C-alpha atoms as a PDB file:
ATOM      1  CA  MET A   1      86.785  75.865 -62.338  1.00  0.00           C
ATOM      2  CA  ARG A   2      83.009  75.408 -62.123  1.00  0.00           C
ATOM      3  CA  ILE A   3      80.745  78.055 -63.634  1.00  0.00           C
ATOM      4  CA  LEU A   4      77.362  78.419 -61.974  1.00  0.00           C
ATOM      5  CA  VAL A   5      74.591  79.937 -64.026  1.00  0.00           C
ATOM      6  CA  SER A   6      70.899  80.492 -63.573  1.00  0.00           C
ATOM      7  CA  ARG A   7      68.223  79.152 -65.921  1.00  0.00           C
ATOM      8  CA  SER A   8      68.029  82.583 -67.534  1.00  0.00           C
ATOM      9  CA  MET A   9      71.698  82.285 -68.528  1.00  0.00           C
ATOM     10  CA  LEU A  10      71.324  78.911 -70.236  1.00  0.00           C
ATOM     11  CA  ARG A  11      70.705  80.554 -73.617  1.00  0.00           C
ATOM     12  CA  PRO A  12      73.932  81.797 -75.252  1.00  0.00           C
ATOM     13  CA  SER A  13      74.131  85.242 -76.728  1.00  0.00           C
ATOM     14  CA  ALA A  14      72.729  85.262 -80.248  1.00  0.00           C
ATOM     15  CA  LEU A  15      75.337  87.902 -81.128  1.00  0.00           C
ATOM     16  CA  ALA A  16      78.154  85.663 -79.843  1.00  0.00           C
ATOM     17  CA  LEU A  17      76.963  82.732 -81.907  1.00  0.00           C
ATOM     18  CA  ALA A  18      76.414  84.840 -85.002  1.00  0.00           C
ATOM     19  CA  THR A  19      79.882  86.324 -84.646  1.00  0.00           C
ATOM     20  CA  CYS A  20      81.410  82.851 -84.424  1.00  0.00           C
ATOM     21  CA  VAL A  21      79.569  81.785 -87.556  1.00  0.00           C
ATOM     22  CA  LEU A  22      80.699  84.845 -89.513  1.00  0.00           C
ATOM     23  CA  ILE A  23      84.365  84.796 -88.571  1.00  0.00           C
ATOM     24  CA  GLY A  24      84.680  81.071 -87.952  1.00  0.00           C
ATOM     25  CA  CYS A  25      86.001  81.587 -84.414  1.00  0.00           C
ATOM     26  CA  ASN A  26      89.402  80.351 -85.517  1.00  0.00           C
ATOM     27  CA  ALA A  27      90.956  81.760 -82.358  1.00  0.00           C
ATOM     28  CA  LYS A  28      90.024  79.170 -79.775  1.00  0.00           C
ATOM     29  CA  ASP A  29      89.590  80.322 -76.191  1.00  0.00           C
ATOM     30  CA  ALA A  30      90.157  77.827 -73.346  1.00  0.00           C
ATOM     31  CA  GLU A  31      88.122  79.789 -70.822  1.00  0.00           C
ATOM     32  CA  LYS A  32      85.172  80.143 -73.178  1.00  0.00           C
ATOM     33  CA  CYS A  33      85.548  76.465 -74.081  1.00  0.00           C
ATOM     34  CA  THR A  34      85.202  75.562 -70.397  1.00  0.00           C
ATOM     35  CA  GLN A  35      82.175  77.803 -70.155  1.00  0.00           C
ATOM     36  CA  GLY A  36      80.569  76.236 -73.218  1.00  0.00           C
ATOM     37  CA  LEU A  37      81.113  72.694 -71.944  1.00  0.00           C
ATOM     38  CA  SER A  38      79.954  73.552 -68.423  1.00  0.00           C
ATOM     39  CA  VAL A  39      76.787  75.392 -69.390  1.00  0.00           C
ATOM     40  CA  THR A  40      75.900  72.723 -71.955  1.00  0.00           C
ATOM     41  CA  ARG A  41      75.977  70.148 -69.174  1.00  0.00           C
ATOM     42  CA  GLN A  42      73.959  72.391 -66.855  1.00  0.00           C
ATOM     43  CA  ALA A  43      71.321  72.711 -69.568  1.00  0.00           C
ATOM     44  CA  LEU A  44      71.286  68.927 -69.916  1.00  0.00           C
ATOM     45  CA  ALA A  45      70.815  68.564 -66.168  1.00  0.00           C
ATOM     46  CA  VAL A  46      67.564  70.559 -66.345  1.00  0.00           C
ATOM     47  CA  GLU A  47      66.562  68.833 -69.608  1.00  0.00           C
ATOM     48  CA  ASN A  48      66.716  72.036 -71.640  1.00  0.00           C
ATOM     49  CA  PHE A  49      67.904  70.443 -74.878  1.00  0.00           C
ATOM     50  CA  ASP A  50      67.398  73.504 -77.078  1.00  0.00           C
ATOM     51  CA  SER A  51      69.760  75.487 -74.863  1.00  0.00           C
ATOM     52  CA  ALA A  52      72.187  72.566 -74.586  1.00  0.00           C
ATOM     53  CA  LYS A  53      72.474  72.323 -78.353  1.00  0.00           C
ATOM     54  CA  GLN A  54      73.068  76.061 -78.701  1.00  0.00           C
ATOM     55  CA  TRP A  55      75.808  75.952 -76.081  1.00  0.00           C
ATOM     56  CA  ARG A  56      77.228  72.874 -77.791  1.00  0.00           C
ATOM     57  CA  THR A  57      77.633  75.000 -80.954  1.00  0.00           C
ATOM     58  CA  TYR A  58      79.367  77.652 -78.857  1.00  0.00           C
ATOM     59  CA  ALA A  59      81.690  75.039 -77.337  1.00  0.00           C
ATOM     60  CA  TYR A  60      82.623  73.712 -80.791  1.00  0.00           C
ATOM     61  CA  ALA A  61      83.639  77.222 -81.772  1.00  0.00           C
ATOM     62  CA  GLN A  62      85.868  77.660 -78.710  1.00  0.00           C
ATOM     63  CA  CYS A  63      87.386  74.241 -77.944  1.00  0.00           C
ATOM     64  CA  GLU A  64      90.518  72.675 -79.415  1.00  0.00           C
ATOM     65  CA  ASP A  65      90.044  69.266 -77.785  1.00  0.00           C
ATOM     66  CA  GLN A  66      88.028  67.172 -80.222  1.00  0.00           C
ATOM     67  CA  GLY A  67      87.832  64.335 -77.702  1.00  0.00           C
ATOM     68  CA  ALA A  68      86.077  66.571 -75.197  1.00  0.00           C
ATOM     69  CA  LEU A  69      83.639  67.692 -77.883  1.00  0.00           C
ATOM     70  CA  ALA A  70      82.915  64.108 -78.952  1.00  0.00           C
ATOM     71  CA  ALA A  71      82.275  63.196 -75.314  1.00  0.00           C
ATOM     72  CA  LEU A  72      79.908  66.157 -75.032  1.00  0.00           C
ATOM     73  CA  ASP A  73      77.972  65.023 -78.106  1.00  0.00           C
ATOM     74  CA  LYS A  74      77.692  61.554 -76.590  1.00  0.00           C
ATOM     75  CA  GLU A  75      76.346  63.023 -73.345  1.00  0.00           C
ATOM     76  CA  ILE A  76      73.749  65.071 -75.225  1.00  0.00           C
ATOM     77  CA  SER A  77      72.629  62.094 -77.294  1.00  0.00           C
ATOM     78  CA  GLU A  78      72.413  59.702 -74.343  1.00  0.00           C
ATOM     79  CA  ARG A  79      70.688  62.201 -72.066  1.00  0.00           C
ATOM     80  CA  GLU A  80      68.109  63.102 -74.691  1.00  0.00           C
ATOM     81  CA  ALA A  81      67.411  59.429 -75.444  1.00  0.00           C
ATOM     82  CA  ALA A  82      67.024  58.652 -71.729  1.00  0.00           C
ATOM     83  CA  VAL A  83      64.598  61.524 -71.192  1.00  0.00           C
ATOM     84  CA  LEU A  84      62.529  60.559 -74.233  1.00  0.00           C
ATOM     85  CA  ALA A  85      62.410  56.946 -73.029  1.00  0.00           C
ATOM     86  CA  ARG A  86      61.352  58.052 -69.536  1.00  0.00           C
ATOM     87  CA  LYS A  87      58.609  60.330 -70.861  1.00  0.00           C
ATOM     88  CA  ASP A  88      57.375  57.590 -73.176  1.00  0.00           C
ATOM     89  CA  ALA A  89      57.221  55.137 -70.245  1.00  0.00           C
ATOM     90  CA  GLU A  90      55.385  57.708 -68.114  1.00  0.00           C
ATOM     91  CA  ALA A  91      52.851  58.341 -70.873  1.00  0.00           C
ATOM     92  CA  LYS A  92      52.246  54.604 -71.320  1.00  0.00           C
ATOM     93  CA  LYS A  93      51.810  54.143 -67.572  1.00  0.00           C
ATOM     94  CA  LYS A  94      49.309  57.000 -67.390  1.00  0.00           C
ATOM     95  CA  ALA A  95      47.357  55.528 -70.318  1.00  0.00           C
ATOM     96  CA  GLU A  96      47.408  52.104 -68.642  1.00  0.00           C
ATOM     97  CA  THR A  97      46.139  53.592 -65.387  1.00  0.00           C
ATOM     98  CA  ALA A  98      43.351  55.460 -67.171  1.00  0.00           C
ATOM     99  CA  SER A  99      42.298  52.260 -68.962  1.00  0.00           C
ATOM    100  CA  LEU A 100      42.438  50.252 -65.730  1.00  0.00           C
ATOM    101  CA  LEU A 101      40.307  52.730 -63.795  1.00  0.00           C
ATOM    102  CA  LYS A 102      37.716  52.903 -66.570  1.00  0.00           C
ATOM    103  CA  GLY A 103      37.538  49.106 -66.600  1.00  0.00           C
ATOM    104  CA  PHE A 104      37.362  49.081 -62.800  1.00  0.00           C
ATOM    105  CA  ALA A 105      34.499  51.613 -62.772  1.00  0.00           C
ATOM    106  CA  ASP A 106      32.648  49.561 -65.405  1.00  0.00           C
ATOM    107  CA  PHE A 107      33.169  46.400 -63.341  1.00  0.00           C
ATOM    108  CA  VAL A 108      31.755  48.057 -60.227  1.00  0.00           C
ATOM    109  CA  ALA A 109      28.767  49.386 -62.184  1.00  0.00           C
ATOM    110  CA  GLN A 110      28.060  45.931 -63.604  1.00  0.00           C
ATOM    111  CA  ASN A 111      28.287  44.190 -60.225  1.00  0.00           C
ATOM    112  CA  ARG A 112      27.028  46.746 -57.695  1.00  0.00           C
ATOM    113  CA  ALA A 113      23.534  45.208 -57.666  1.00  0.00           C
ATOM    114  CA  ALA A 114      24.919  41.794 -56.662  1.00  0.00           C
ATOM    115  CA  PRO A 115      28.517  42.106 -55.420  1.00  0.00           C
ATOM    116  CA  ASP A 116      28.236  38.627 -53.907  1.00  0.00           C
ATOM    117  CA  ARG A 117      28.140  37.301 -57.476  1.00  0.00           C
ATOM    118  CA  ALA A 118      31.104  39.298 -58.757  1.00  0.00           C
ATOM    119  CA  SER A 119      33.269  36.207 -58.311  1.00  0.00           C
ATOM    120  CA  ALA A 120      32.443  32.506 -58.368  1.00  0.00           C
ATOM    121  CA  ALA A 121      34.557  31.736 -55.317  1.00  0.00           C
ATOM    122  CA  PRO A 122      34.262  34.270 -52.479  1.00  0.00           C
ATOM    123  CA  VAL A 123      36.001  33.434 -49.205  1.00  0.00           C
ATOM    124  CA  CYS A 124      34.084  34.328 -46.049  1.00  0.00           C
ATOM    125  CA  ASP A 125      35.432  35.176 -42.605  1.00  0.00           C
ATOM    126  CA  PRO A 126      34.484  32.910 -39.688  1.00  0.00           C
ATOM    127  CA  PRO A 127      31.228  34.134 -38.149  1.00  0.00           C
ATOM    128  CA  PRO A 128      31.516  35.993 -34.837  1.00  0.00           C
ATOM    129  CA  ALA A 129      31.062  33.896 -31.724  1.00  0.00           C
ATOM    130  CA  GLY A 130      27.400  33.623 -30.814  1.00  0.00           C
ATOM    131  CA  ALA A 131      26.140  35.015 -34.136  1.00  0.00           C
ATOM    132  CA  PRO A 132      22.735  33.526 -35.009  1.00  0.00           C
ATOM    133  CA  PRO A 133      22.716  31.114 -37.963  1.00  0.00           C
ATOM    134  CA  ALA A 134      21.019  32.139 -41.197  1.00  0.00           C
ATOM    135  CA  LYS A 135      19.048  28.903 -41.063  1.00  0.00           C
ATOM    136  CA  PRO A 136      19.107  25.982 -38.673  1.00  0.00           C
ATOM    137  CA  GLY A 137      22.277  24.019 -39.291  1.00  0.00           C
ATOM    138  CA  GLU A 138      23.922  26.803 -41.326  1.00  0.00           C
ATOM    139  CA  GLU A 139      26.632  29.274 -40.344  1.00  0.00           C
ATOM    140  CA  SER A 140      25.720  32.854 -39.588  1.00  0.00           C
ATOM    141  CA  LYS A 141      25.918  35.276 -42.501  1.00  0.00           C
ATOM    142  CA  ASP A 142      26.871  38.169 -40.228  1.00  0.00           C
ATOM    143  CA  ARG A 143      30.387  38.331 -41.633  1.00  0.00           C
ATOM    144  CA  PHE A 144      32.459  39.738 -44.459  1.00  0.00           C
ATOM    145  CA  CYS A 145      33.277  37.779 -47.574  1.00  0.00           C
ATOM    146  CA  THR A 146      36.085  38.631 -49.985  1.00  0.00           C
ATOM    147  CA  ALA A 147      36.390  37.786 -53.654  1.00  0.00           C
ATOM    148  CA  THR A 148      38.862  38.698 -56.400  1.00  0.00           C
ATOM    149  CA  ARG A 149      38.703  39.149 -60.141  1.00  0.00           C
ATOM    150  CA  GLN A 150      41.413  39.967 -62.653  1.00  0.00           C
ATOM    151  CA  LEU A 151      41.384  43.035 -64.892  1.00  0.00           C
ATOM    152  CA  GLY A 152      44.354  42.311 -67.131  1.00  0.00           C
ATOM    153  CA  THR A 153      47.341  42.051 -64.799  1.00  0.00           C
ATOM    154  CA  TYR A 154      45.545  43.840 -61.952  1.00  0.00           C
ATOM    155  CA  THR A 155      43.562  42.243 -59.146  1.00  0.00           C
ATOM    156  CA  VAL A 156      40.205  43.709 -58.140  1.00  0.00           C
ATOM    157  CA  GLN A 157      39.044  42.842 -54.641  1.00  0.00           C
ATOM    158  CA  VAL A 158      35.369  42.768 -53.679  1.00  0.00           C
ATOM    159  CA  ARG A 159      34.470  42.780 -49.980  1.00  0.00           C
ATOM    160  CA  PHE A 160      30.836  42.511 -48.909  1.00  0.00           C
ATOM    161  CA  TRP A 161      28.721  41.684 -45.853  1.00  0.00           C
ATOM    162  CA  GLN A 162      27.185  38.298 -46.533  1.00  0.00           C
ATOM    163  CA  ALA A 163      23.900  39.024 -44.751  1.00  0.00           C
ATOM    164  CA  ASP A 164      23.590  42.347 -46.597  1.00  0.00           C
ATOM    165  CA  PRO A 165      25.655  42.334 -49.823  1.00  0.00           C
ATOM    166  CA  GLN A 166      24.782  45.972 -50.462  1.00  0.00           C
ATOM    167  CA  ALA A 167      27.369  46.790 -47.811  1.00  0.00           C
ATOM    168  CA  PHE A 168      30.302  46.440 -50.211  1.00  0.00           C
ATOM    169  CA  ARG A 169      33.701  47.819 -51.190  1.00  0.00           C
ATOM    170  CA  PHE A 170      35.525  47.275 -54.487  1.00  0.00           C
ATOM    171  CA  SER A 171      39.250  48.076 -54.607  1.00  0.00           C
ATOM    172  CA  VAL A 172      42.233  47.993 -56.958  1.00  0.00           C
ATOM    173  CA  LYS A 173      45.841  49.270 -56.883  1.00  0.00           C
ATOM    174  CA  PRO A 174      46.911  51.120 -60.046  1.00  0.00           C
ATOM    175  CA  GLU A 175      50.579  51.846 -60.732  1.00  0.00           C
ATOM    176  CA  ASP A 176      50.014  55.610 -60.974  1.00  0.00           C
ATOM    177  CA  PRO A 177      48.148  57.968 -58.629  1.00  0.00           C
ATOM    178  CA  ALA A 178      44.419  58.152 -59.359  1.00  0.00           C
ATOM    179  CA  THR A 179      41.919  60.997 -59.399  1.00  0.00           C
ATOM    180  CA  CYS A 180      38.194  61.007 -58.705  1.00  0.00           C
ATOM    181  CA  ASP A 181      37.256  61.925 -62.264  1.00  0.00           C
ATOM    182  CA  ALA A 182      39.131  58.881 -63.611  1.00  0.00           C
ATOM    183  CA  LEU A 183      36.148  56.889 -62.300  1.00  0.00           C
ATOM    184  CA  GLY A 184      33.589  58.964 -64.202  1.00  0.00           C
ATOM    185  CA  PRO A 185      31.420  61.871 -63.016  1.00  0.00           C
ATOM    186  CA  ALA A 186      32.573  62.751 -59.520  1.00  0.00           C
ATOM    187  CA  THR A 187      32.711  65.527 -56.946  1.00  0.00           C
ATOM    188  CA  VAL A 188      35.446  65.745 -54.333  1.00  0.00           C
ATOM    189  CA  SER A 189      33.661  65.975 -50.990  1.00  0.00           C
ATOM    190  CA  LYS A 190      36.688  65.894 -48.677  1.00  0.00           C
ATOM    191  CA  SER A 191      40.502  66.020 -48.861  1.00  0.00           C
ATOM    192  CA  TRP A 192      43.133  65.302 -46.224  1.00  0.00           C
ATOM    193  CA  GLU A 193      46.808  64.399 -45.896  1.00  0.00           C
ATOM    194  CA  VAL A 194      48.093  60.904 -45.111  1.00  0.00           C
ATOM    195  CA  PRO A 195      51.632  59.615 -44.463  1.00  0.00           C
ATOM    196  CA  ALA A 196      53.555  58.275 -47.458  1.00  0.00           C
ATOM    197  CA  VAL A 197      56.143  55.494 -47.468  1.00  0.00           C
ATOM    198  CA  ASN A 198      59.048  57.967 -47.793  1.00  0.00           C
ATOM    199  CA  GLY A 199      58.031  59.933 -44.713  1.00  0.00           C
ATOM    200  CA  SER A 200      56.279  62.710 -46.646  1.00  0.00           C
ATOM    201  CA  GLN A 201      52.544  63.436 -46.893  1.00  0.00           C
ATOM    202  CA  VAL A 202      50.218  62.786 -49.830  1.00  0.00           C
ATOM    203  CA  LYS A 203      46.708  64.021 -50.500  1.00  0.00           C
ATOM    204  CA  ARG A 204      43.739  61.698 -50.219  1.00  0.00           C
ATOM    205  CA  ASP A 205      40.336  62.591 -51.694  1.00  0.00           C
ATOM    206  CA  ARG A 206      36.895  61.244 -50.949  1.00  0.00           C
ATOM    207  CA  CYS A 207      34.567  61.477 -53.931  1.00  0.00           C
ATOM    208  CA  ASP A 208      30.813  61.373 -54.410  1.00  0.00           C
ATOM    209  CA  LEU A 209      30.294  59.467 -57.645  1.00  0.00           C
ATOM    210  CA  GLY A 210      27.725  60.018 -60.375  1.00  0.00           C
ATOM    211  CA  GLY A 211      26.628  58.329 -63.578  1.00  0.00           C
ATOM    212  CA  PRO A 212      26.481  54.505 -63.361  1.00  0.00           C
ATOM    213  CA  LEU A 213      28.116  54.738 -59.918  1.00  0.00           C
ATOM    214  CA  SER A 214      25.667  57.288 -58.555  1.00  0.00           C
ATOM    215  CA  GLY A 215      25.095  56.919 -54.816  1.00  0.00           C
ATOM    216  CA  LEU A 216      28.505  55.360 -54.200  1.00  0.00           C
ATOM    217  CA  HIS A 217      31.664  56.917 -52.800  1.00  0.00           C
ATOM    218  CA  ALA A 218      35.323  56.530 -53.712  1.00  0.00           C
ATOM    219  CA  VAL A 219      38.655  57.258 -52.090  1.00  0.00           C
ATOM    220  CA  VAL A 220      41.822  57.941 -54.104  1.00  0.00           C
ATOM    221  CA  SER A 221      45.329  58.969 -53.051  1.00  0.00           C
ATOM    222  CA  GLN A 222      48.050  60.898 -54.848  1.00  0.00           C
ATOM    223  CA  ALA A 223      50.596  58.088 -54.565  1.00  0.00           C
ATOM    224  CA  ALA A 224      51.718  55.241 -56.805  1.00  0.00           C
ATOM    225  CA  ARG A 225      50.286  51.817 -55.922  1.00  0.00           C
ATOM    226  CA  ALA A 226      47.781  53.438 -53.573  1.00  0.00           C
ATOM    227  CA  GLU A 227      44.501  51.575 -53.239  1.00  0.00           C
ATOM    228  CA  VAL A 228      41.451  52.992 -55.013  1.00  0.00           C
ATOM    229  CA  SER A 229      38.210  52.075 -53.247  1.00  0.00           C
ATOM    230  CA  VAL A 230      34.593  52.393 -54.366  1.00  0.00           C
ATOM    231  CA  PHE A 231      32.089  51.623 -51.627  1.00  0.00           C
ATOM    232  CA  SER A 232      28.444  51.878 -50.657  1.00  0.00           C
ATOM    233  CA  PRO A 233      27.191  54.096 -47.790  1.00  0.00           C
ATOM    234  CA  GLN A 234      26.256  50.942 -45.858  1.00  0.00           C
ATOM    235  CA  TYR A 235      29.802  49.605 -45.969  1.00  0.00           C
ATOM    236  CA  LEU A 236      31.218  51.772 -43.188  1.00  0.00           C
ATOM    237  CA  ASP A 237      28.404  50.731 -40.852  1.00  0.00           C
ATOM    238  CA  ARG A 238      29.645  47.164 -41.191  1.00  0.00           C
ATOM    239  CA  ASP A 239      33.378  47.946 -41.191  1.00  0.00           C
ATOM    240  CA  PRO A 240      33.908  50.869 -38.770  1.00  0.00           C
ATOM    241  CA  GLY A 241      37.638  50.149 -38.690  1.00  0.00           C
ATOM    242  CA  MET A 242      37.865  51.555 -42.244  1.00  0.00           C
ATOM    243  CA  LYS A 243      36.237  54.894 -41.370  1.00  0.00           C
ATOM    244  CA  THR A 244      39.516  56.745 -40.880  1.00  0.00           C
ATOM    245  CA  ILE A 245      40.851  55.463 -44.214  1.00  0.00           C
ATOM    246  CA  LEU A 246      37.672  56.061 -46.195  1.00  0.00           C
ATOM    247  CA  SER A 247      36.211  59.084 -44.432  1.00  0.00           C
ATOM    248  CA  GLY A 248      39.265  60.885 -43.102  1.00  0.00           C
ATOM    249  CA  PRO A 249      40.010  62.288 -39.669  1.00  0.00           C
END
């Protein structure tokens, strides 16, 4: 028999528990035992450990089977440990993402004046056919160049137009979703929905940045491993194919 209860029923009657304490609940009740075990597990399923432990006390007062009670205690202990471990991992990941995005914003601020020098070894695309050379005998600079730098275990990519390095985009992929304000002073100027890998939709924000990044824009998405981009207004003129991603529909 399965007993279905709502969240509001996950707290046992204080009178019932007090009565059991006073009289010892020597008369075990199989039906109430089943209820105590079932509702304890339902409380565990929704991670309500206070309620689970109260219903565990109720079950101990009603159940004869010590093996079932020992198994219940093991479930409570393991479930609580797993939830604590998960929350600790989530907190560490959020802290790591916050640290990464601060370091990323600082890196952009330090290199925005000369993005072509952000890395010692940028790799440039082949120049378009017929593009005029920068100087006689040299290749045209009408092309994008891409460079990378490491921030801890994360790779920052810098993409800039060689003939006009102020047309640039810096990007990084944090583990957790990012927000505009993680990059410093920012105002969300536009929001829209984009497809996610699981077939759902996630929100994407375009931000107008302030502080050391004043005059630049950013795009962040509410999805793990989604690219965070910081770019100059000139960038989209050079890379119109990115307009839908960075400016929305």
